[in-house]
Amino acid sequence: MVFESIAMDRGLSGIEKKEKAVALLAIADQAQKRSSAGESPLETQTFINGARRELARELPDTKKMEDAFQVSREYQRARDPGQRPGQGI
């Protein structure tokens, strides 16, 4: 449990980054093949979006998620400093 929490703080490891890069290249290759086979651009883009979403589920980058969360919180504070995020009106 402790090791998992430490790993989550750092985001993806070097091996996981390589695995993700290989998977992204495979998605791009499949998308190119689908496009060449006459698939519509909408169908190809739908495939890409779904494949990338599944990859994010399998190899989540917790560091990027934390960074995005912090940016969102800062935006919410700047937009309405009198209201904390998560509170109703």
PDB file of N, CA and C in Angstrom:
ATOM      1  N   MET A   1       0.817  -1.186   0.000  1.00  0.00           N
ATOM      2  CA  MET A   1       0.000   0.000   0.000  1.00  0.00           C
ATOM      3  C   MET A   1       0.866   1.256   0.000  1.00  0.00           C
ATOM      4  N   VAL A   2       1.930   1.255   0.795  1.00  0.00           N
ATOM      5  CA  VAL A   2       2.813   2.414   0.853  1.00  0.00           C
ATOM      6  C   VAL A   2       3.514   2.613  -0.483  1.00  0.00           C
ATOM      7  N   PHE A   3       3.977   1.530  -1.089  1.00  0.00           N
ATOM      8  CA  PHE A   3       4.657   1.636  -2.377  1.00  0.00           C
ATOM      9  C   PHE A   3       3.730   2.175  -3.450  1.00  0.00           C
ATOM     10  N   GLU A   4       2.459   1.749  -3.405  1.00  0.00           N
ATOM     11  CA  GLU A   4       1.486   2.219  -4.393  1.00  0.00           C
ATOM     12  C   GLU A   4       1.299   3.729  -4.265  1.00  0.00           C
ATOM     13  N   SER A   5       1.212   4.219  -3.045  1.00  0.00           N
ATOM     14  CA  SER A   5       1.017   5.655  -2.845  1.00  0.00           C
ATOM     15  C   SER A   5       2.249   6.441  -3.289  1.00  0.00           C
ATOM     16  N   ILE A   6       3.426   5.909  -3.076  1.00  0.00           N
ATOM     17  CA  ILE A   6       4.645   6.586  -3.536  1.00  0.00           C
ATOM     18  C   ILE A   6       4.676   6.617  -5.057  1.00  0.00           C
ATOM     19  N   ALA A   7       4.331   5.510  -5.693  1.00  0.00           N
ATOM     20  CA  ALA A   7       4.317   5.444  -7.158  1.00  0.00           C
ATOM     21  C   ALA A   7       3.296   6.407  -7.729  1.00  0.00           C
ATOM     22  N   MET A   8       2.163   6.565  -7.066  1.00  0.00           N
ATOM     23  CA  MET A   8       1.129   7.459  -7.564  1.00  0.00           C
ATOM     24  C   MET A   8       1.583   8.909  -7.515  1.00  0.00           C
ATOM     25  N   ASP A   9       2.436   9.254  -6.547  1.00  0.00           N
ATOM     26  CA  ASP A   9       2.906  10.630  -6.421  1.00  0.00           C
ATOM     27  C   ASP A   9       3.805  11.040  -7.584  1.00  0.00           C
ATOM     28  N   ARG A  10       4.497  10.098  -8.179  1.00  0.00           N
ATOM     29  CA  ARG A  10       5.451  10.406  -9.237  1.00  0.00           C
ATOM     30  C   ARG A  10       4.872  10.328 -10.630  1.00  0.00           C
ATOM     31  N   GLY A  11       3.712   9.805 -10.808  1.00  0.00           N
ATOM     32  CA  GLY A  11       3.174   9.634 -12.153  1.00  0.00           C
ATOM     33  C   GLY A  11       3.687   8.347 -12.761  1.00  0.00           C
ATOM     34  N   LEU A  12       3.868   8.350 -14.069  1.00  0.00           N
ATOM     35  CA  LEU A  12       4.304   7.145 -14.768  1.00  0.00           C
ATOM     36  C   LEU A  12       5.798   6.898 -14.582  1.00  0.00           C
ATOM     37  N   SER A  13       6.162   5.625 -14.436  1.00  0.00           N
ATOM     38  CA  SER A  13       7.577   5.261 -14.373  1.00  0.00           C
ATOM     39  C   SER A  13       8.143   5.286 -15.793  1.00  0.00           C
ATOM     40  N   GLY A  14       9.437   5.136 -15.908  1.00  0.00           N
ATOM     41  CA  GLY A  14      10.081   5.119 -17.217  1.00  0.00           C
ATOM     42  C   GLY A  14       9.553   4.001 -18.105  1.00  0.00           C
ATOM     43  N   ILE A  15       9.354   2.826 -17.516  1.00  0.00           N
ATOM     44  CA  ILE A  15       8.843   1.678 -18.278  1.00  0.00           C
ATOM     45  C   ILE A  15       7.413   1.948 -18.727  1.00  0.00           C
ATOM     46  N   GLU A  16       6.611   2.507 -17.828  1.00  0.00           N
ATOM     47  CA  GLU A  16       5.218   2.809 -18.181  1.00  0.00           C
ATOM     48  C   GLU A  16       5.139   3.861 -19.280  1.00  0.00           C
ATOM     49  N   LYS A  17       6.050   4.833 -19.246  1.00  0.00           N
ATOM     50  CA  LYS A  17       6.077   5.853 -20.306  1.00  0.00           C
ATOM     51  C   LYS A  17       6.394   5.222 -21.659  1.00  0.00           C
ATOM     52  N   LYS A  18       7.330   4.269 -21.651  1.00  0.00           N
ATOM     53  CA  LYS A  18       7.674   3.569 -22.890  1.00  0.00           C
ATOM     54  C   LYS A  18       6.497   2.727 -23.378  1.00  0.00           C
ATOM     55  N   GLU A  19       5.823   2.038 -22.448  1.00  0.00           N
ATOM     56  CA  GLU A  19       4.653   1.241 -22.819  1.00  0.00           C
ATOM     57  C   GLU A  19       3.567   2.133 -23.421  1.00  0.00           C
ATOM     58  N   LYS A  20       3.372   3.300 -22.821  1.00  0.00           N
ATOM     59  CA  LYS A  20       2.360   4.224 -23.316  1.00  0.00           C
ATOM     60  C   LYS A  20       2.736   4.741 -24.704  1.00  0.00           C
ATOM     61  N   ALA A  21       4.018   5.034 -24.905  1.00  0.00           N
ATOM     62  CA  ALA A  21       4.479   5.512 -26.213  1.00  0.00           C
ATOM     63  C   ALA A  21       4.262   4.448 -27.289  1.00  0.00           C
ATOM     64  N   VAL A  22       4.569   3.204 -26.961  1.00  0.00           N
ATOM     65  CA  VAL A  22       4.365   2.103 -27.915  1.00  0.00           C
ATOM     66  C   VAL A  22       2.876   1.959 -28.224  1.00  0.00           C
ATOM     67  N   ALA A  23       2.043   2.047 -27.197  1.00  0.00           N
ATOM     68  CA  ALA A  23       0.594   1.929 -27.398  1.00  0.00           C
ATOM     69  C   ALA A  23       0.065   3.073 -28.261  1.00  0.00           C
ATOM     70  N   LEU A  24       0.557   4.291 -28.039  1.00  0.00           N
ATOM     71  CA  LEU A  24       0.118   5.432 -28.847  1.00  0.00           C
ATOM     72  C   LEU A  24       0.538   5.266 -30.308  1.00  0.00           C
ATOM     73  N   LEU A  25       1.734   4.732 -30.530  1.00  0.00           N
ATOM     74  CA  LEU A  25       2.170   4.462 -31.902  1.00  0.00           C
ATOM     75  C   LEU A  25       1.298   3.390 -32.554  1.00  0.00           C
ATOM     76  N   ALA A  26       0.906   2.377 -31.766  1.00  0.00           N
ATOM     77  CA  ALA A  26       0.033   1.329 -32.296  1.00  0.00           C
ATOM     78  C   ALA A  26      -1.342   1.900 -32.648  1.00  0.00           C
ATOM     79  N   ILE A  27      -1.841   2.800 -31.820  1.00  0.00           N
ATOM     80  CA  ILE A  27      -3.125   3.452 -32.111  1.00  0.00           C
ATOM     81  C   ILE A  27      -3.016   4.255 -33.397  1.00  0.00           C
ATOM     82  N   ALA A  28      -1.931   5.004 -33.548  1.00  0.00           N
ATOM     83  CA  ALA A  28      -1.727   5.811 -34.758  1.00  0.00           C
ATOM     84  C   ALA A  28      -1.628   4.919 -35.993  1.00  0.00           C
ATOM     85  N   ASP A  29      -0.928   3.798 -35.862  1.00  0.00           N
ATOM     86  CA  ASP A  29      -0.790   2.865 -36.982  1.00  0.00           C
ATOM     87  C   ASP A  29      -2.148   2.286 -37.374  1.00  0.00           C
ATOM     88  N   GLN A  30      -2.922   1.872 -36.374  1.00  0.00           N
ATOM     89  CA  GLN A  30      -4.258   1.330 -36.656  1.00  0.00           C
ATOM     90  C   GLN A  30      -5.149   2.390 -37.290  1.00  0.00           C
ATOM     91  N   ALA A  31      -5.071   3.613 -36.815  1.00  0.00           N
ATOM     92  CA  ALA A  31      -5.887   4.694 -37.370  1.00  0.00           C
ATOM     93  C   ALA A  31      -5.513   4.945 -38.826  1.00  0.00           C
ATOM     94  N   GLN A  32      -4.222   4.898 -39.125  1.00  0.00           N
ATOM     95  CA  GLN A  32      -3.771   5.085 -40.504  1.00  0.00           C
ATOM     96  C   GLN A  32      -4.293   3.970 -41.401  1.00  0.00           C
ATOM     97  N   LYS A  33      -4.233   2.733 -40.908  1.00  0.00           N
ATOM     98  CA  LYS A  33      -4.745   1.592 -41.682  1.00  0.00           C
ATOM     99  C   LYS A  33      -6.247   1.720 -41.914  1.00  0.00           C
ATOM    100  N   ARG A  34      -6.982   2.143 -40.892  1.00  0.00           N
ATOM    101  CA  ARG A  34      -8.432   2.307 -41.033  1.00  0.00           C
ATOM    102  C   ARG A  34      -8.747   3.396 -42.058  1.00  0.00           C
ATOM    103  N   SER A  35      -8.002   4.478 -41.992  1.00  0.00           N
ATOM    104  CA  SER A  35      -8.214   5.585 -42.918  1.00  0.00           C
ATOM    105  C   SER A  35      -7.910   5.149 -44.347  1.00  0.00           C
ATOM    106  N   SER A  36      -6.814   4.422 -44.523  1.00  0.00           N
ATOM    107  CA  SER A  36      -6.432   3.929 -45.857  1.00  0.00           C
ATOM    108  C   SER A  36      -7.446   2.933 -46.409  1.00  0.00           C
ATOM    109  N   ALA A  37      -8.121   2.218 -45.519  1.00  0.00           N
ATOM    110  CA  ALA A  37      -9.110   1.229 -45.942  1.00  0.00           C
ATOM    111  C   ALA A  37     -10.448   1.875 -46.305  1.00  0.00           C
ATOM    112  N   GLY A  38     -10.512   3.196 -46.188  1.00  0.00           N
ATOM    113  CA  GLY A  38     -11.721   3.893 -46.605  1.00  0.00           C
ATOM    114  C   GLY A  38     -12.686   4.251 -45.494  1.00  0.00           C
ATOM    115  N   GLU A  39     -12.269   4.072 -44.261  1.00  0.00           N
ATOM    116  CA  GLU A  39     -13.132   4.440 -43.142  1.00  0.00           C
ATOM    117  C   GLU A  39     -13.303   5.957 -43.112  1.00  0.00           C
ATOM    118  N   SER A  40     -14.460   6.424 -42.695  1.00  0.00           N
ATOM    119  CA  SER A  40     -14.709   7.868 -42.658  1.00  0.00           C
ATOM    120  C   SER A  40     -13.845   8.526 -41.570  1.00  0.00           C
ATOM    121  N   PRO A  41     -13.517   9.794 -41.751  1.00  0.00           N
ATOM    122  CA  PRO A  41     -12.729  10.497 -40.730  1.00  0.00           C
ATOM    123  C   PRO A  41     -13.397  10.478 -39.347  1.00  0.00           C
ATOM    124  N   LEU A  42     -14.715  10.546 -39.311  1.00  0.00           N
ATOM    125  CA  LEU A  42     -15.425  10.507 -38.028  1.00  0.00           C
ATOM    126  C   LEU A  42     -15.232   9.161 -37.334  1.00  0.00           C
ATOM    127  N   GLU A  43     -15.340   8.076 -38.092  1.00  0.00           N
ATOM    128  CA  GLU A  43     -15.142   6.746 -37.516  1.00  0.00           C
ATOM    129  C   GLU A  43     -13.702   6.569 -37.028  1.00  0.00           C
ATOM    130  N   THR A  44     -12.756   7.072 -37.805  1.00  0.00           N
ATOM    131  CA  THR A  44     -11.348   6.968 -37.417  1.00  0.00           C
ATOM    132  C   THR A  44     -11.090   7.757 -36.142  1.00  0.00           C
ATOM    133  N   GLN A  45     -11.621   8.974 -36.065  1.00  0.00           N
ATOM    134  CA  GLN A  45     -11.421   9.796 -34.877  1.00  0.00           C
ATOM    135  C   GLN A  45     -12.103   9.180 -33.656  1.00  0.00           C
ATOM    136  N   THR A  46     -13.256   8.567 -33.867  1.00  0.00           N
ATOM    137  CA  THR A  46     -13.946   7.883 -32.767  1.00  0.00           C
ATOM    138  C   THR A  46     -13.104   6.720 -32.250  1.00  0.00           C
ATOM    139  N   PHE A  47     -12.496   5.966 -33.174  1.00  0.00           N
ATOM    140  CA  PHE A  47     -11.594   4.877 -32.775  1.00  0.00           C
ATOM    141  C   PHE A  47     -10.430   5.417 -31.955  1.00  0.00           C
ATOM    142  N   ILE A  48      -9.801   6.493 -32.438  1.00  0.00           N
ATOM    143  CA  ILE A  48      -8.647   7.078 -31.742  1.00  0.00           C
ATOM    144  C   ILE A  48      -9.041   7.520 -30.340  1.00  0.00           C
ATOM    145  N   ASN A  49     -10.154   8.232 -30.224  1.00  0.00           N
ATOM    146  CA  ASN A  49     -10.593   8.722 -28.919  1.00  0.00           C
ATOM    147  C   ASN A  49     -10.857   7.576 -27.951  1.00  0.00           C
ATOM    148  N   GLY A  50     -11.540   6.531 -28.432  1.00  0.00           N
ATOM    149  CA  GLY A  50     -11.826   5.385 -27.578  1.00  0.00           C
ATOM    150  C   GLY A  50     -10.566   4.644 -27.158  1.00  0.00           C
ATOM    151  N   ALA A  51      -9.646   4.468 -28.094  1.00  0.00           N
ATOM    152  CA  ALA A  51      -8.398   3.762 -27.780  1.00  0.00           C
ATOM    153  C   ALA A  51      -7.554   4.555 -26.782  1.00  0.00           C
ATOM    154  N   ARG A  52      -7.493   5.867 -26.963  1.00  0.00           N
ATOM    155  CA  ARG A  52      -6.725   6.697 -26.021  1.00  0.00           C
ATOM    156  C   ARG A  52      -7.376   6.717 -24.640  1.00  0.00           C
ATOM    157  N   ARG A  53      -8.703   6.724 -24.606  1.00  0.00           N
ATOM    158  CA  ARG A  53      -9.421   6.692 -23.329  1.00  0.00           C
ATOM    159  C   ARG A  53      -9.135   5.373 -22.605  1.00  0.00           C
ATOM    160  N   GLU A  54      -9.161   4.266 -23.335  1.00  0.00           N
ATOM    161  CA  GLU A  54      -8.872   2.968 -22.739  1.00  0.00           C
ATOM    162  C   GLU A  54      -7.421   2.906 -22.251  1.00  0.00           C
ATOM    163  N   LEU A  55      -6.510   3.455 -23.018  1.00  0.00           N
ATOM    164  CA  LEU A  55      -5.103   3.494 -22.605  1.00  0.00           C
ATOM    165  C   LEU A  55      -4.949   4.299 -21.319  1.00  0.00           C
ATOM    166  N   ALA A  56      -5.653   5.403 -21.209  1.00  0.00           N
ATOM    167  CA  ALA A  56      -5.585   6.220 -19.992  1.00  0.00           C
ATOM    168  C   ALA A  56      -6.142   5.453 -18.792  1.00  0.00           C
ATOM    169  N   ARG A  57      -7.124   4.599 -19.030  1.00  0.00           N
ATOM    170  CA  ARG A  57      -7.662   3.767 -17.947  1.00  0.00           C
ATOM    171  C   ARG A  57      -6.644   2.715 -17.516  1.00  0.00           C
ATOM    172  N   GLU A  58      -5.938   2.147 -18.489  1.00  0.00           N
ATOM    173  CA  GLU A  58      -4.974   1.089 -18.187  1.00  0.00           C
ATOM    174  C   GLU A  58      -3.672   1.627 -17.597  1.00  0.00           C
ATOM    175  N   LEU A  59      -3.222   2.783 -18.082  1.00  0.00           N
ATOM    176  CA  LEU A  59      -1.986   3.389 -17.597  1.00  0.00           C
ATOM    177  C   LEU A  59      -2.248   4.840 -17.181  1.00  0.00           C
ATOM    178  N   PRO A  60      -2.921   5.037 -16.054  1.00  0.00           N
ATOM    179  CA  PRO A  60      -3.232   6.413 -15.652  1.00  0.00           C
ATOM    180  C   PRO A  60      -1.975   7.169 -15.220  1.00  0.00           C
ATOM    181  N   ASP A  61      -1.882   8.411 -15.625  1.00  0.00           N
ATOM    182  CA  ASP A  61      -0.767   9.269 -15.233  1.00  0.00           C
ATOM    183  C   ASP A  61      -1.265  10.160 -14.104  1.00  0.00           C
ATOM    184  N   THR A  62      -1.073   9.688 -12.876  1.00  0.00           N
ATOM    185  CA  THR A  62      -1.618  10.398 -11.722  1.00  0.00           C
ATOM    186  C   THR A  62      -0.988  11.773 -11.532  1.00  0.00           C
ATOM    187  N   LYS A  63       0.248  11.939 -11.960  1.00  0.00           N
ATOM    188  CA  LYS A  63       0.901  13.255 -11.839  1.00  0.00           C
ATOM    189  C   LYS A  63       0.193  14.273 -12.735  1.00  0.00           C
ATOM    190  N   LYS A  64      -0.110  13.883 -13.969  1.00  0.00           N
ATOM    191  CA  LYS A  64      -0.831  14.790 -14.866  1.00  0.00           C
ATOM    192  C   LYS A  64      -2.224  15.090 -14.336  1.00  0.00           C
ATOM    193  N   MET A  65      -2.877  14.070 -13.768  1.00  0.00           N
ATOM    194  CA  MET A  65      -4.214  14.287 -13.208  1.00  0.00           C
ATOM    195  C   MET A  65      -4.160  15.277 -12.057  1.00  0.00           C
ATOM    196  N   GLU A  66      -3.165  15.132 -11.188  1.00  0.00           N
ATOM    197  CA  GLU A  66      -3.012  16.047 -10.058  1.00  0.00           C
ATOM    198  C   GLU A  66      -2.724  17.466 -10.546  1.00  0.00           C
ATOM    199  N   ASP A  67      -1.860  17.589 -11.545  1.00  0.00           N
ATOM    200  CA  ASP A  67      -1.564  18.915 -12.104  1.00  0.00           C
ATOM    201  C   ASP A  67      -2.818  19.554 -12.694  1.00  0.00           C
ATOM    202  N   ALA A  68      -3.605  18.782 -13.431  1.00  0.00           N
ATOM    203  CA  ALA A  68      -4.841  19.304 -14.025  1.00  0.00           C
ATOM    204  C   ALA A  68      -5.827  19.704 -12.932  1.00  0.00           C
ATOM    205  N   PHE A  69      -5.899  18.941 -11.864  1.00  0.00           N
ATOM    206  CA  PHE A  69      -6.790  19.264 -10.762  1.00  0.00           C
ATOM    207  C   PHE A  69      -6.376  20.586 -10.115  1.00  0.00           C
ATOM    208  N   GLN A  70      -5.069  20.756  -9.900  1.00  0.00           N
ATOM    209  CA  GLN A  70      -4.585  21.994  -9.283  1.00  0.00           C
ATOM    210  C   GLN A  70      -4.875  23.209 -10.160  1.00  0.00           C
ATOM    211  N   VAL A  71      -4.679  23.079 -11.458  1.00  0.00           N
ATOM    212  CA  VAL A  71      -4.963  24.182 -12.381  1.00  0.00           C
ATOM    213  C   VAL A  71      -6.454  24.519 -12.338  1.00  0.00           C
ATOM    214  N   SER A  72      -7.287  23.490 -12.300  1.00  0.00           N
ATOM    215  CA  SER A  72      -8.733  23.702 -12.231  1.00  0.00           C
ATOM    216  C   SER A  72      -9.115  24.430 -10.944  1.00  0.00           C
ATOM    217  N   ARG A  73      -8.517  24.023  -9.842  1.00  0.00           N
ATOM    218  CA  ARG A  73      -8.810  24.694  -8.556  1.00  0.00           C
ATOM    219  C   ARG A  73      -8.392  26.153  -8.596  1.00  0.00           C
ATOM    220  N   GLU A  74      -7.226  26.433  -9.163  1.00  0.00           N
ATOM    221  CA  GLU A  74      -6.760  27.822  -9.259  1.00  0.00           C
ATOM    222  C   GLU A  74      -7.697  28.653 -10.133  1.00  0.00           C
ATOM    223  N   TYR A  75      -8.162  28.087 -11.226  1.00  0.00           N
ATOM    224  CA  TYR A  75      -9.100  28.787 -12.104  1.00  0.00           C
ATOM    225  C   TYR A  75     -10.391  29.093 -11.354  1.00  0.00           C
ATOM    226  N   GLN A  76     -10.891  28.108 -10.622  1.00  0.00           N
ATOM    227  CA  GLN A  76     -12.134  28.310  -9.877  1.00  0.00           C
ATOM    228  C   GLN A  76     -11.967  29.379  -8.806  1.00  0.00           C
ATOM    229  N   ARG A  77     -10.828  29.391  -8.134  1.00  0.00           N
ATOM    230  CA  ARG A  77     -10.572  30.428  -7.124  1.00  0.00           C
ATOM    231  C   ARG A  77     -10.474  31.810  -7.759  1.00  0.00           C
ATOM    232  N   ALA A  78      -9.820  31.896  -8.903  1.00  0.00           N
ATOM    233  CA  ALA A  78      -9.662  33.185  -9.583  1.00  0.00           C
ATOM    234  C   ALA A  78     -11.002  33.683 -10.128  1.00  0.00           C
ATOM    235  N   ARG A  79     -11.834  32.767 -10.594  1.00  0.00           N
ATOM    236  CA  ARG A  79     -13.123  33.135 -11.169  1.00  0.00           C
ATOM    237  C   ARG A  79     -14.065  33.687 -10.110  1.00  0.00           C
ATOM    238  N   ASP A  80     -14.098  33.065  -8.942  1.00  0.00           N
ATOM    239  CA  ASP A  80     -14.982  33.502  -7.874  1.00  0.00           C
ATOM    240  C   ASP A  80     -14.298  33.256  -6.535  1.00  0.00           C
ATOM    241  N   PRO A  81     -13.476  34.202  -6.092  1.00  0.00           N
ATOM    242  CA  PRO A  81     -12.703  33.985  -4.863  1.00  0.00           C
ATOM    243  C   PRO A  81     -13.561  33.836  -3.604  1.00  0.00           C
ATOM    244  N   GLY A  82     -14.826  34.275  -3.644  1.00  0.00           N
ATOM    245  CA  GLY A  82     -15.682  34.177  -2.471  1.00  0.00           C
ATOM    246  C   GLY A  82     -16.338  32.830  -2.299  1.00  0.00           C
ATOM    247  N   GLN A  83     -16.238  31.978  -3.285  1.00  0.00           N
ATOM    248  CA  GLN A  83     -16.898  30.675  -3.226  1.00  0.00           C
ATOM    249  C   GLN A  83     -15.863  29.577  -3.412  1.00  0.00           C
ATOM    250  N   ARG A  84     -15.877  28.614  -2.527  1.00  0.00           N
ATOM    251  CA  ARG A  84     -14.955  27.491  -2.646  1.00  0.00           C
ATOM    252  C   ARG A  84     -15.512  26.487  -3.645  1.00  0.00           C
ATOM    253  N   PRO A  85     -14.648  25.829  -4.407  1.00  0.00           N
ATOM    254  CA  PRO A  85     -15.105  24.804  -5.355  1.00  0.00           C
ATOM    255  C   PRO A  85     -15.851  23.702  -4.621  1.00  0.00           C
ATOM    256  N   GLY A  86     -16.923  23.247  -5.210  1.00  0.00           N
ATOM    257  CA  GLY A  86     -17.696  22.167  -4.610  1.00  0.00           C
ATOM    258  C   GLY A  86     -18.884  22.651  -3.810  1.00  0.00           C
ATOM    259  N   GLN A  87     -18.945  23.926  -3.516  1.00  0.00           N
ATOM    260  CA  GLN A  87     -20.077  24.468  -2.770  1.00  0.00           C
ATOM    261  C   GLN A  87     -21.154  24.946  -3.715  1.00  0.00           C
ATOM    262  N   GLY A  88     -22.372  24.785  -3.304  1.00  0.00           N
ATOM    263  CA  GLY A  88     -23.481  25.272  -4.106  1.00  0.00           C
ATOM    264  C   GLY A  88     -23.595  26.792  -4.032  1.00  0.00           C
ATOM    265  N   ILE A  89     -24.492  27.330  -4.810  1.00  0.00           N
ATOM    266  CA  ILE A  89     -24.693  28.787  -4.818  1.00  0.00           C
ATOM    267  C   ILE A  89     -25.559  29.182  -3.664  1.00  0.00           C
TER     268      ILE A  89
END
